[in-house]
């Protein structure tokens, strides 16, 4: 069998580069416009973020004030009960008889004064 050799042509590889583009030149006016737009967007985002932080802080303050209010309401209720207990006539009579040694006056010991 006879071998047939093919001749392969070898071409040198050519690297094709993209044509160089001219650098984009921005005018001062267009740069200023882009800068102002960027500053506006950043300002809006910072304003929104500040608002959300304030809402969260106010929420925490409201919850804390609700807890304080509930505690004060409970303390007020206890004080009202204590005041009612201390004003009780039975308690006052008991203290006057036992601790102070007072007695209920007899009918002949009571003197009525006329109002003028």
PDB file of N, CA and C in Angstrom:
ATOM      1  N   UNK A   1       0.813  -1.146   0.000  1.00  0.00           N
ATOM      2  CA  UNK A   1       0.000   0.000   0.000  1.00  0.00           C
ATOM      3  C   UNK A   1       0.876   1.235   0.000  1.00  0.00           C
ATOM      4  N   UNK A   2       0.477   2.125  -0.723  1.00  0.00           N
ATOM      5  CA  UNK A   2       1.285   3.326  -0.874  1.00  0.00           C
ATOM      6  C   UNK A   2       0.634   4.440  -0.042  1.00  0.00           C
ATOM      7  N   UNK A   3       1.489   5.013   0.628  1.00  0.00           N
ATOM      8  CA  UNK A   3       0.983   6.090   1.470  1.00  0.00           C
ATOM      9  C   UNK A   3       1.031   7.397   0.719  1.00  0.00           C
ATOM     10  N   UNK A   4      -0.058   8.069   0.806  1.00  0.00           N
ATOM     11  CA  UNK A   4      -0.120   9.361   0.129  1.00  0.00           C
ATOM     12  C   UNK A   4      -0.019  10.433   1.198  1.00  0.00           C
ATOM     13  N   UNK A   5       0.892  11.224   0.996  1.00  0.00           N
ATOM     14  CA  UNK A   5       1.058  12.302   1.962  1.00  0.00           C
ATOM     15  C   UNK A   5       0.485  13.581   1.386  1.00  0.00           C
ATOM     16  N   UNK A   6      -0.196  14.147   2.203  1.00  0.00           N
ATOM     17  CA  UNK A   6      -0.771  15.414   1.783  1.00  0.00           C
ATOM     18  C   UNK A   6       0.092  16.523   2.306  1.00  0.00           C
ATOM     19  N   UNK A   7       0.188  17.426   1.507  1.00  0.00           N
ATOM     20  CA  UNK A   7       0.960  18.549   1.933  1.00  0.00           C
ATOM     21  C   UNK A   7       0.013  19.574   2.571  1.00  0.00           C
ATOM     22  N   UNK A   8       0.327  19.900   3.819  1.00  0.00           N
ATOM     23  CA  UNK A   8      -0.527  20.852   4.534  1.00  0.00           C
ATOM     24  C   UNK A   8       0.189  22.176   4.534  1.00  0.00           C
ATOM     25  N   UNK A   9      -0.502  23.097   4.078  1.00  0.00           N
ATOM     26  CA  UNK A   9       0.078  24.429   4.081  1.00  0.00           C
ATOM     27  C   UNK A   9      -0.108  25.054   5.456  1.00  0.00           C
ATOM     28  N   UNK A  10       0.903  25.556   5.930  1.00  0.00           N
ATOM     29  CA  UNK A  10       0.834  26.205   7.230  1.00  0.00           C
ATOM     30  C   UNK A  10       0.964  27.704   7.006  1.00  0.00           C
ATOM     31  N   UNK A  11      -0.061  28.347   7.459  1.00  0.00           N
ATOM     32  CA  UNK A  11      -0.058  29.799   7.341  1.00  0.00           C
ATOM     33  C   UNK A  11       0.248  30.391   8.711  1.00  0.00           C
ATOM     34  N   UNK A  12       0.973  31.386   8.750  1.00  0.00           N
ATOM     35  CA  UNK A  12       1.224  32.006  10.060  1.00  0.00           C
ATOM     36  C   UNK A  12      -0.068  32.616  10.614  1.00  0.00           C
ATOM     37  N   UNK A  13      -0.235  32.481  11.931  1.00  0.00           N
ATOM     38  CA  UNK A  13      -1.436  33.027  12.586  1.00  0.00           C
ATOM     39  C   UNK A  13      -1.324  34.539  12.674  1.00  0.00           C
ATOM     40  N   UNK A  14      -2.352  35.125  12.263  1.00  0.00           N
ATOM     41  CA  UNK A  14      -2.394  36.577  12.356  1.00  0.00           C
ATOM     42  C   UNK A  14      -3.325  36.966  13.503  1.00  0.00           C
ATOM     43  N   UNK A  15      -2.823  37.751  14.376  1.00  0.00           N
ATOM     44  CA  UNK A  15      -3.646  38.224  15.476  1.00  0.00           C
ATOM     45  C   UNK A  15      -4.247  39.541  15.036  1.00  0.00           C
ATOM     46  N   UNK A  16      -5.570  39.495  14.989  1.00  0.00           N
ATOM     47  CA  UNK A  16      -6.241  40.726  14.593  1.00  0.00           C
ATOM     48  C   UNK A  16      -6.714  41.435  15.846  1.00  0.00           C
ATOM     49  N   UNK A  17      -6.387  42.641  15.937  1.00  0.00           N
ATOM     50  CA  UNK A  17      -6.786  43.433  17.092  1.00  0.00           C
ATOM     51  C   UNK A  17      -7.905  44.371  16.669  1.00  0.00           C
ATOM     52  N   UNK A  18      -8.735  44.628  17.664  1.00  0.00           N
ATOM     53  CA  UNK A  18      -9.816  45.565  17.398  1.00  0.00           C
ATOM     54  C   UNK A  18      -9.191  46.931  17.157  1.00  0.00           C
ATOM     55  N   UNK A  19      -9.774  47.650  16.274  1.00  0.00           N
ATOM     56  CA  UNK A  19      -9.201  48.975  16.017  1.00  0.00           C
ATOM     57  C   UNK A  19      -9.297  49.834  17.274  1.00  0.00           C
ATOM     58  N   UNK A  20      -8.295  50.589  17.489  1.00  0.00           N
ATOM     59  CA  UNK A  20      -8.278  51.450  18.668  1.00  0.00           C
ATOM     60  C   UNK A  20      -9.343  52.526  18.522  1.00  0.00           C
ATOM     61  N   UNK A  21     -10.098  52.604  19.621  1.00  0.00           N
ATOM     62  CA  UNK A  21     -11.135  53.627  19.624  1.00  0.00           C
ATOM     63  C   UNK A  21     -10.555  54.874  20.257  1.00  0.00           C
ATOM     64  N   UNK A  22     -11.015  55.915  19.770  1.00  0.00           N
ATOM     65  CA  UNK A  22     -10.571  57.185  20.333  1.00  0.00           C
ATOM     66  C   UNK A  22     -11.154  57.312  21.734  1.00  0.00           C
ATOM     67  N   UNK A  23     -10.423  57.765  22.697  1.00  0.00           N
ATOM     68  CA  UNK A  23     -10.965  57.902  24.053  1.00  0.00           C
ATOM     69  C   UNK A  23     -12.148  58.854  24.057  1.00  0.00           C
ATOM     70  N   UNK A  24     -13.123  58.477  24.869  1.00  0.00           N
ATOM     71  CA  UNK A  24     -14.329  59.292  24.952  1.00  0.00           C
ATOM     72  C   UNK A  24     -14.006  60.524  25.768  1.00  0.00           C
ATOM     73  N   UNK A  25     -14.277  61.613  25.216  1.00  0.00           N
ATOM     74  CA  UNK A  25     -14.022  62.867  25.909  1.00  0.00           C
ATOM     75  C   UNK A  25     -15.346  63.428  26.399  1.00  0.00           C
ATOM     76  N   UNK A  26     -15.368  63.723  27.687  1.00  0.00           N
ATOM     77  CA  UNK A  26     -16.561  64.322  28.262  1.00  0.00           C
ATOM     78  C   UNK A  26     -16.300  65.805  28.429  1.00  0.00           C
ATOM     79  N   UNK A  27     -17.290  66.535  28.087  1.00  0.00           N
ATOM     80  CA  UNK A  27     -17.144  67.970  28.293  1.00  0.00           C
ATOM     81  C   UNK A  27     -17.407  68.279  29.764  1.00  0.00           C
ATOM     82  N   UNK A  28     -16.975  69.396  30.200  1.00  0.00           N
ATOM     83  CA  UNK A  28     -17.153  69.800  31.587  1.00  0.00           C
ATOM     84  C   UNK A  28     -18.633  69.902  31.930  1.00  0.00           C
ATOM     85  N   UNK A  29     -19.396  70.359  31.013  1.00  0.00           N
ATOM     86  CA  UNK A  29     -20.831  70.525  31.238  1.00  0.00           C
ATOM     87  C   UNK A  29     -21.509  69.164  31.424  1.00  0.00           C
ATOM     88  N   UNK A  30     -21.159  68.175  30.592  1.00  0.00           N
ATOM     89  CA  UNK A  30     -21.791  66.861  30.730  1.00  0.00           C
ATOM     90  C   UNK A  30     -21.308  66.169  32.008  1.00  0.00           C
ATOM     91  N   UNK A  31     -20.031  66.361  32.378  1.00  0.00           N
ATOM     92  CA  UNK A  31     -19.532  65.793  33.631  1.00  0.00           C
ATOM     93  C   UNK A  31     -20.274  66.398  34.811  1.00  0.00           C
ATOM     94  N   UNK A  32     -20.534  67.681  34.745  1.00  0.00           N
ATOM     95  CA  UNK A  32     -21.250  68.352  35.814  1.00  0.00           C
ATOM     96  C   UNK A  32     -22.684  67.827  35.922  1.00  0.00           C
ATOM     97  N   UNK A  33     -23.309  67.569  34.797  1.00  0.00           N
ATOM     98  CA  UNK A  33     -24.669  67.016  34.800  1.00  0.00           C
ATOM     99  C   UNK A  33     -24.680  65.637  35.453  1.00  0.00           C
ATOM    100  N   UNK A  34     -23.728  64.776  35.069  1.00  0.00           N
ATOM    101  CA  UNK A  34     -23.669  63.435  35.655  1.00  0.00           C
ATOM    102  C   UNK A  34     -23.382  63.509  37.157  1.00  0.00           C
ATOM    103  N   UNK A  35     -22.522  64.408  37.545  1.00  0.00           N
ATOM    104  CA  UNK A  35     -22.206  64.569  38.959  1.00  0.00           C
ATOM    105  C   UNK A  35     -23.425  65.037  39.746  1.00  0.00           C
ATOM    106  N   UNK A  36     -24.158  65.978  39.200  1.00  0.00           N
ATOM    107  CA  UNK A  36     -25.364  66.469  39.879  1.00  0.00           C
ATOM    108  C   UNK A  36     -26.422  65.386  39.990  1.00  0.00           C
ATOM    109  N   UNK A  37     -26.597  64.600  38.944  1.00  0.00           N
ATOM    110  CA  UNK A  37     -27.568  63.497  38.985  1.00  0.00           C
ATOM    111  C   UNK A  37     -27.147  62.479  40.035  1.00  0.00           C
ATOM    112  N   UNK A  38     -25.849  62.153  40.065  1.00  0.00           N
ATOM    113  CA  UNK A  38     -25.354  61.193  41.054  1.00  0.00           C
ATOM    114  C   UNK A  38     -25.552  61.734  42.469  1.00  0.00           C
ATOM    115  N   UNK A  39     -25.251  62.997  42.681  1.00  0.00           N
ATOM    116  CA  UNK A  39     -25.454  63.600  44.004  1.00  0.00           C
ATOM    117  C   UNK A  39     -26.925  63.621  44.395  1.00  0.00           C
ATOM    118  N   UNK A  40     -27.778  63.876  43.440  1.00  0.00           N
ATOM    119  CA  UNK A  40     -29.216  63.873  43.715  1.00  0.00           C
ATOM    120  C   UNK A  40     -29.683  62.485  44.129  1.00  0.00           C
ATOM    121  N   UNK A  41     -29.238  61.465  43.417  1.00  0.00           N
ATOM    122  CA  UNK A  41     -29.630  60.087  43.751  1.00  0.00           C
ATOM    123  C   UNK A  41     -29.101  59.707  45.132  1.00  0.00           C
ATOM    124  N   UNK A  42     -27.847  60.046  45.401  1.00  0.00           N
ATOM    125  CA  UNK A  42     -27.274  59.745  46.718  1.00  0.00           C
ATOM    126  C   UNK A  42     -28.018  60.506  47.806  1.00  0.00           C
ATOM    127  N   UNK A  43     -28.356  61.745  47.556  1.00  0.00           N
ATOM    128  CA  UNK A  43     -29.108  62.526  48.541  1.00  0.00           C
ATOM    129  C   UNK A  43     -30.479  61.931  48.828  1.00  0.00           C
ATOM    130  N   UNK A  44     -31.152  61.493  47.778  1.00  0.00           N
ATOM    131  CA  UNK A  44     -32.466  60.873  47.961  1.00  0.00           C
ATOM    132  C   UNK A  44     -32.339  59.579  48.754  1.00  0.00           C
ATOM    133  N   UNK A  45     -31.330  58.786  48.435  1.00  0.00           N
ATOM    134  CA  UNK A  45     -31.135  57.531  49.167  1.00  0.00           C
ATOM    135  C   UNK A  45     -30.790  57.782  50.631  1.00  0.00           C
ATOM    136  N   UNK A  46     -29.945  58.762  50.890  1.00  0.00           N
ATOM    137  CA  UNK A  46     -29.612  59.085  52.277  1.00  0.00           C
ATOM    138  C   UNK A  46     -30.827  59.621  53.031  1.00  0.00           C
ATOM    139  N   UNK A  47     -31.635  60.425  52.372  1.00  0.00           N
ATOM    140  CA  UNK A  47     -32.863  60.921  53.000  1.00  0.00           C
ATOM    141  C   UNK A  47     -33.821  59.797  53.343  1.00  0.00           C
ATOM    142  N   UNK A  48     -33.957  58.860  52.432  1.00  0.00           N
ATOM    143  CA  UNK A  48     -34.839  57.710  52.684  1.00  0.00           C
ATOM    144  C   UNK A  48     -34.297  56.870  53.834  1.00  0.00           C
ATOM    145  N   UNK A  49     -32.993  56.638  53.839  1.00  0.00           N
ATOM    146  CA  UNK A  49     -32.376  55.851  54.907  1.00  0.00           C
ATOM    147  C   UNK A  49     -32.546  56.550  56.256  1.00  0.00           C
ATOM    148  N   UNK A  50     -32.321  57.862  56.297  1.00  0.00           N
ATOM    149  CA  UNK A  50     -32.494  58.614  57.542  1.00  0.00           C
ATOM    150  C   UNK A  50     -33.930  58.509  58.046  1.00  0.00           C
ATOM    151  N   UNK A  51     -34.881  58.606  57.121  1.00  0.00           N
ATOM    152  CA  UNK A  51     -36.290  58.516  57.494  1.00  0.00           C
ATOM    153  C   UNK A  51     -36.602  57.153  58.100  1.00  0.00           C
ATOM    154  N   UNK A  52     -36.088  56.102  57.502  1.00  0.00           N
ATOM    155  CA  UNK A  52     -36.347  54.762  58.022  1.00  0.00           C
ATOM    156  C   UNK A  52     -35.721  54.578  59.405  1.00  0.00           C
ATOM    157  N   UNK A  53     -34.547  55.130  59.608  1.00  0.00           N
ATOM    158  CA  UNK A  53     -33.897  55.043  60.918  1.00  0.00           C
ATOM    159  C   UNK A  53     -34.730  55.785  61.959  1.00  0.00           C
ATOM    160  N   UNK A  54     -35.240  56.949  61.600  1.00  0.00           N
ATOM    161  CA  UNK A  54     -36.063  57.716  62.533  1.00  0.00           C
ATOM    162  C   UNK A  54     -37.354  56.981  62.873  1.00  0.00           C
ATOM    163  N   UNK A  55     -37.964  56.353  61.886  1.00  0.00           N
ATOM    164  CA  UNK A  55     -39.196  55.596  62.133  1.00  0.00           C
ATOM    165  C   UNK A  55     -38.907  54.446  63.096  1.00  0.00           C
ATOM    166  N   UNK A  56     -37.782  53.773  62.901  1.00  0.00           N
ATOM    167  CA  UNK A  56     -37.420  52.666  63.780  1.00  0.00           C
ATOM    168  C   UNK A  56     -37.158  53.166  65.197  1.00  0.00           C
ATOM    169  N   UNK A  57     -36.430  54.280  65.322  1.00  0.00           N
ATOM    170  CA  UNK A  57     -36.170  54.841  66.649  1.00  0.00           C
ATOM    171  C   UNK A  57     -37.466  55.241  67.351  1.00  0.00           C
ATOM    172  N   UNK A  58     -38.360  55.868  66.618  1.00  0.00           N
ATOM    173  CA  UNK A  58     -39.638  56.276  67.213  1.00  0.00           C
ATOM    174  C   UNK A  58     -40.445  55.055  67.645  1.00  0.00           C
ATOM    175  N   UNK A  59     -40.364  53.988  66.871  1.00  0.00           N
ATOM    176  CA  UNK A  59     -41.052  52.752  67.255  1.00  0.00           C
ATOM    177  C   UNK A  59     -40.531  52.215  68.572  1.00  0.00           C
ATOM    178  N   UNK A  60     -39.196  52.229  68.733  1.00  0.00           N
ATOM    179  CA  UNK A  60     -38.614  51.781  69.999  1.00  0.00           C
ATOM    180  C   UNK A  60     -39.035  52.684  71.151  1.00  0.00           C
ATOM    181  N   UNK A  61     -39.048  53.985  70.920  1.00  0.00           N
ATOM    182  CA  UNK A  61     -39.456  54.914  71.975  1.00  0.00           C
ATOM    183  C   UNK A  61     -40.919  54.696  72.364  1.00  0.00           C
ATOM    184  N   UNK A  62     -41.755  54.471  71.369  1.00  0.00           N
ATOM    185  CA  UNK A  62     -43.186  54.246  71.645  1.00  0.00           C
ATOM    186  C   UNK A  62     -43.364  52.995  72.489  1.00  0.00           C
ATOM    187  N   UNK A  63     -42.649  51.924  72.139  1.00  0.00           N
ATOM    188  CA  UNK A  63     -42.761  50.686  72.915  1.00  0.00           C
ATOM    189  C   UNK A  63     -42.276  50.893  74.347  1.00  0.00           C
ATOM    190  N   UNK A  64     -41.188  51.622  74.524  1.00  0.00           N
ATOM    191  CA  UNK A  64     -40.675  51.895  75.869  1.00  0.00           C
ATOM    192  C   UNK A  64     -41.683  52.728  76.662  1.00  0.00           C
ATOM    193  N   UNK A  65     -42.277  53.728  76.031  1.00  0.00           N
ATOM    194  CA  UNK A  65     -43.268  54.558  76.726  1.00  0.00           C
ATOM    195  C   UNK A  65     -44.527  53.756  77.069  1.00  0.00           C
ATOM    196  N   UNK A  66     -44.893  52.812  76.227  1.00  0.00           N
ATOM    197  CA  UNK A  66     -46.039  51.954  76.554  1.00  0.00           C
ATOM    198  C   UNK A  66     -45.744  51.118  77.789  1.00  0.00           C
ATOM    199  N   UNK A  67     -44.495  50.593  77.884  1.00  0.00           N
ATOM    200  CA  UNK A  67     -44.128  49.815  79.065  1.00  0.00           C
ATOM    201  C   UNK A  67     -44.142  50.686  80.317  1.00  0.00           C
ATOM    202  N   UNK A  68     -43.624  51.900  80.206  1.00  0.00           N
ATOM    203  CA  UNK A  68     -43.614  52.819  81.348  1.00  0.00           C
ATOM    204  C   UNK A  68     -45.044  53.156  81.757  1.00  0.00           C
ATOM    205  N   UNK A  69     -45.890  53.408  80.764  1.00  0.00           N
ATOM    206  CA  UNK A  69     -47.293  53.740  81.051  1.00  0.00           C
ATOM    207  C   UNK A  69     -47.984  52.591  81.775  1.00  0.00           C
ATOM    208  N   UNK A  70     -47.746  51.373  81.328  1.00  0.00           N
ATOM    209  CA  UNK A  70     -48.369  50.215  81.976  1.00  0.00           C
ATOM    210  C   UNK A  70     -47.887  50.089  83.416  1.00  0.00           C
ATOM    211  N   UNK A  71     -46.586  50.313  83.645  1.00  0.00           N
ATOM    212  CA  UNK A  71     -46.053  50.253  85.009  1.00  0.00           C
ATOM    213  C   UNK A  71     -46.648  51.328  85.899  1.00  0.00           C
ATOM    214  N   UNK A  72     -46.783  52.542  85.356  1.00  0.00           N
ATOM    215  CA  UNK A  72     -47.366  53.636  86.137  1.00  0.00           C
ATOM    216  C   UNK A  72     -48.848  53.394  86.424  1.00  0.00           C
ATOM    217  N   UNK A  73     -49.546  52.819  85.458  1.00  0.00           N
ATOM    218  CA  UNK A  73     -50.965  52.514  85.685  1.00  0.00           C
ATOM    219  C   UNK A  73     -51.112  51.476  86.797  1.00  0.00           C
ATOM    220  N   UNK A  74     -50.231  50.487  86.816  1.00  0.00           N
ATOM    221  CA  UNK A  74     -50.282  49.465  87.878  1.00  0.00           C
ATOM    222  C   UNK A  74     -49.949  50.090  89.232  1.00  0.00           C
ATOM    223  N   UNK A  75     -48.937  50.963  89.265  1.00  0.00           N
ATOM    224  CA  UNK A  75     -48.580  51.632  90.515  1.00  0.00           C
ATOM    225  C   UNK A  75     -49.728  52.523  90.988  1.00  0.00           C
ATOM    226  N   UNK A  76     -50.396  53.209  90.077  1.00  0.00           N
ATOM    227  CA  UNK A  76     -51.532  54.059  90.419  1.00  0.00           C
ATOM    228  C   UNK A  76     -52.677  53.225  90.996  1.00  0.00           C
ATOM    229  N   UNK A  77     -52.929  52.087  90.386  1.00  0.00           N
ATOM    230  CA  UNK A  77     -53.997  51.212  90.887  1.00  0.00           C
ATOM    231  C   UNK A  77     -53.689  50.756  92.309  1.00  0.00           C
ATOM    232  N   UNK A  78     -52.426  50.373  92.561  1.00  0.00           N
ATOM    233  CA  UNK A  78     -52.044  49.930  93.907  1.00  0.00           C
ATOM    234  C   UNK A  78     -52.175  51.063  94.918  1.00  0.00           C
ATOM    235  N   UNK A  79     -51.785  52.272  94.519  1.00  0.00           N
ATOM    236  CA  UNK A  79     -51.895  53.415  95.425  1.00  0.00           C
ATOM    237  C   UNK A  79     -53.354  53.767  95.725  1.00  0.00           C
ATOM    238  N   UNK A  80     -54.211  53.646  94.712  1.00  0.00           N
ATOM    239  CA  UNK A  80     -55.634  53.901  94.941  1.00  0.00           C
ATOM    240  C   UNK A  80     -56.209  52.904  95.944  1.00  0.00           C
ATOM    241  N   UNK A  81     -55.816  51.623  95.799  1.00  0.00           N
ATOM    242  CA  UNK A  81     -56.280  50.611  96.750  1.00  0.00           C
ATOM    243  C   UNK A  81     -55.753  50.893  98.159  1.00  0.00           C
ATOM    244  N   UNK A  82     -54.500  51.303  98.250  1.00  0.00           N
ATOM    245  CA  UNK A  82     -53.903  51.620  99.550  1.00  0.00           C
ATOM    246  C   UNK A  82     -54.604  52.817 100.180  1.00  0.00           C
ATOM    247  N   UNK A  83     -54.896  53.858  99.381  1.00  0.00           N
ATOM    248  CA  UNK A  83     -55.595  55.037  99.909  1.00  0.00           C
ATOM    249  C   UNK A  83     -56.989  54.662 100.397  1.00  0.00           C
ATOM    250  N   UNK A  84     -57.679  53.828  99.649  1.00  0.00           N
ATOM    251  CA  UNK A  84     -59.009  53.394 100.063  1.00  0.00           C
ATOM    252  C   UNK A  84     -58.938  52.603 101.367  1.00  0.00           C
ATOM    253  N   UNK A  85     -57.945  51.743 101.481  1.00  0.00           N
ATOM    254  CA  UNK A  85     -57.781  50.947 102.701  1.00  0.00           C
ATOM    255  C   UNK A  85     -57.457  51.845 103.890  1.00  0.00           C
ATOM    256  N   UNK A  86     -56.596  52.850 103.676  1.00  0.00           N
ATOM    257  CA  UNK A  86     -56.226  53.736 104.781  1.00  0.00           C
ATOM    258  C   UNK A  86     -57.373  54.642 105.213  1.00  0.00           C
ATOM    259  N   UNK A  87     -58.286  54.974 104.316  1.00  0.00           N
ATOM    260  CA  UNK A  87     -59.428  55.829 104.650  1.00  0.00           C
ATOM    261  C   UNK A  87     -60.588  55.062 105.285  1.00  0.00           C
ATOM    262  N   UNK A  88     -60.470  53.774 105.369  1.00  0.00           N
ATOM    263  CA  UNK A  88     -61.558  52.949 105.900  1.00  0.00           C
ATOM    264  C   UNK A  88     -61.891  53.369 107.341  1.00  0.00           C
ATOM    265  N   UNK A  89     -63.187  53.594 107.611  1.00  0.00           N
ATOM    266  CA  UNK A  89     -63.617  54.029 108.937  1.00  0.00           C
ATOM    267  C   UNK A  89     -63.389  52.943 109.981  1.00  0.00           C
ATOM    268  N   UNK A  90     -63.547  51.705 109.594  1.00  0.00           N
ATOM    269  CA  UNK A  90     -63.305  50.600 110.541  1.00  0.00           C
ATOM    270  C   UNK A  90     -61.843  50.604 110.990  1.00  0.00           C
ATOM    271  N   UNK A  91     -60.932  50.850 110.094  1.00  0.00           N
ATOM    272  CA  UNK A  91     -59.510  50.883 110.422  1.00  0.00           C
ATOM    273  C   UNK A  91     -59.207  52.052 111.345  1.00  0.00           C
ATOM    274  N   UNK A  92     -59.769  53.219 111.019  1.00  0.00           N
ATOM    275  CA  UNK A  92     -59.522  54.413 111.839  1.00  0.00           C
ATOM    276  C   UNK A  92     -60.068  54.214 113.256  1.00  0.00           C
ATOM    277  N   UNK A  93     -61.265  53.620 113.357  1.00  0.00           N
ATOM    278  CA  UNK A  93     -61.853  53.367 114.669  1.00  0.00           C
ATOM    279  C   UNK A  93     -61.011  52.372 115.456  1.00  0.00           C
ATOM    280  N   UNK A  94     -60.519  51.353 114.803  1.00  0.00           N
ATOM    281  CA  UNK A  94     -59.701  50.347 115.470  1.00  0.00           C
ATOM    282  C   UNK A  94     -58.401  50.963 115.991  1.00  0.00           C
ATOM    283  N   UNK A  95     -57.743  51.788 115.199  1.00  0.00           N
ATOM    284  CA  UNK A  95     -56.506  52.428 115.624  1.00  0.00           C
ATOM    285  C   UNK A  95     -56.774  53.388 116.782  1.00  0.00           C
ATOM    286  N   UNK A  96     -57.876  54.139 116.712  1.00  0.00           N
ATOM    287  CA  UNK A  96     -58.173  55.107 117.776  1.00  0.00           C
ATOM    288  C   UNK A  96     -58.450  54.403 119.100  1.00  0.00           C
ATOM    289  N   UNK A  97     -59.071  53.230 119.072  1.00  0.00           N
ATOM    290  CA  UNK A  97     -59.373  52.514 120.319  1.00  0.00           C
ATOM    291  C   UNK A  97     -58.140  51.795 120.851  1.00  0.00           C
ATOM    292  N   UNK A  98     -57.399  51.091 119.975  1.00  0.00           N
ATOM    293  CA  UNK A  98     -56.298  50.258 120.464  1.00  0.00           C
ATOM    294  C   UNK A  98     -55.020  51.052 120.699  1.00  0.00           C
ATOM    295  N   UNK A  99     -54.601  51.854 119.767  1.00  0.00           N
ATOM    296  CA  UNK A  99     -53.312  52.532 119.885  1.00  0.00           C
ATOM    297  C   UNK A  99     -53.408  53.872 120.625  1.00  0.00           C
ATOM    298  N   UNK A 100     -54.503  54.587 120.434  1.00  0.00           N
ATOM    299  CA  UNK A 100     -54.619  55.913 121.040  1.00  0.00           C
ATOM    300  C   UNK A 100     -55.422  55.906 122.344  1.00  0.00           C
ATOM    301  N   UNK A 101     -56.127  54.802 122.611  1.00  0.00           N
ATOM    302  CA  UNK A 101     -56.892  54.693 123.854  1.00  0.00           C
ATOM    303  C   UNK A 101     -58.138  55.556 123.874  1.00  0.00           C
ATOM    304  N   UNK A 102     -58.666  55.945 122.727  1.00  0.00           N
ATOM    305  CA  UNK A 102     -59.871  56.758 122.678  1.00  0.00           C
ATOM    306  C   UNK A 102     -61.101  55.873 122.854  1.00  0.00           C
ATOM    307  N   UNK A 103     -62.187  56.466 123.356  1.00  0.00           N
ATOM    308  CA  UNK A 103     -63.457  55.751 123.536  1.00  0.00           C
ATOM    309  C   UNK A 103     -64.576  56.564 122.922  1.00  0.00           C
ATOM    310  N   UNK A 104     -65.669  55.912 122.624  1.00  0.00           N
ATOM    311  CA  UNK A 104     -66.832  56.609 122.076  1.00  0.00           C
ATOM    312  C   UNK A 104     -67.482  57.378 123.227  1.00  0.00           C
ATOM    313  N   UNK A 105     -67.750  58.685 123.036  1.00  0.00           N
ATOM    314  CA  UNK A 105     -68.317  59.484 124.135  1.00  0.00           C
ATOM    315  C   UNK A 105     -69.759  59.069 124.451  1.00  0.00           C
ATOM    316  N   UNK A 106     -70.102  59.238 125.690  1.00  0.00           N
ATOM    317  CA  UNK A 106     -71.485  58.979 126.114  1.00  0.00           C
ATOM    318  C   UNK A 106     -72.353  60.140 125.675  1.00  0.00           C
ATOM    319  N   UNK A 107     -73.686  59.947 125.751  1.00  0.00           N
ATOM    320  CA  UNK A 107     -74.604  60.962 125.273  1.00  0.00           C
ATOM    321  C   UNK A 107     -74.481  62.250 126.085  1.00  0.00           C
ATOM    322  N   UNK A 108     -74.273  62.148 127.356  1.00  0.00           N
ATOM    323  CA  UNK A 108     -74.194  63.339 128.177  1.00  0.00           C
ATOM    324  C   UNK A 108     -72.856  64.061 128.040  1.00  0.00           C
ATOM    325  N   UNK A 109     -71.867  63.440 127.396  1.00  0.00           N
ATOM    326  CA  UNK A 109     -70.555  64.063 127.199  1.00  0.00           C
ATOM    327  C   UNK A 109     -70.483  64.892 125.902  1.00  0.00           C
ATOM    328  N   UNK A 110     -71.517  64.806 125.092  1.00  0.00           N
ATOM    329  CA  UNK A 110     -71.531  65.507 123.805  1.00  0.00           C
ATOM    330  C   UNK A 110     -72.178  66.876 124.014  1.00  0.00           C
ATOM    331  N   UNK A 111     -71.525  67.940 123.553  1.00  0.00           N
ATOM    332  CA  UNK A 111     -72.033  69.301 123.646  1.00  0.00           C
ATOM    333  C   UNK A 111     -72.204  69.819 122.230  1.00  0.00           C
ATOM    334  N   UNK A 112     -73.384  70.239 121.875  1.00  0.00           N
ATOM    335  CA  UNK A 112     -73.663  70.806 120.565  1.00  0.00           C
ATOM    336  C   UNK A 112     -73.571  72.303 120.612  1.00  0.00           C
ATOM    337  N   UNK A 113     -72.925  72.899 119.662  1.00  0.00           N
ATOM    338  CA  UNK A 113     -72.774  74.347 119.593  1.00  0.00           C
ATOM    339  C   UNK A 113     -73.691  74.890 118.506  1.00  0.00           C
ATOM    340  N   UNK A 114     -74.181  76.074 118.728  1.00  0.00           N
ATOM    341  CA  UNK A 114     -75.064  76.698 117.748  1.00  0.00           C
ATOM    342  C   UNK A 114     -74.225  77.347 116.673  1.00  0.00           C
ATOM    343  N   UNK A 115     -74.711  77.299 115.476  1.00  0.00           N
ATOM    344  CA  UNK A 115     -74.025  77.977 114.367  1.00  0.00           C
ATOM    345  C   UNK A 115     -74.468  79.430 114.332  1.00  0.00           C
ATOM    346  N   UNK A 116     -73.590  80.320 114.053  1.00  0.00           N
ATOM    347  CA  UNK A 116     -73.932  81.734 113.969  1.00  0.00           C
ATOM    348  C   UNK A 116     -73.903  82.203 112.568  1.00  0.00           C
TER     349      UNK A 116
END
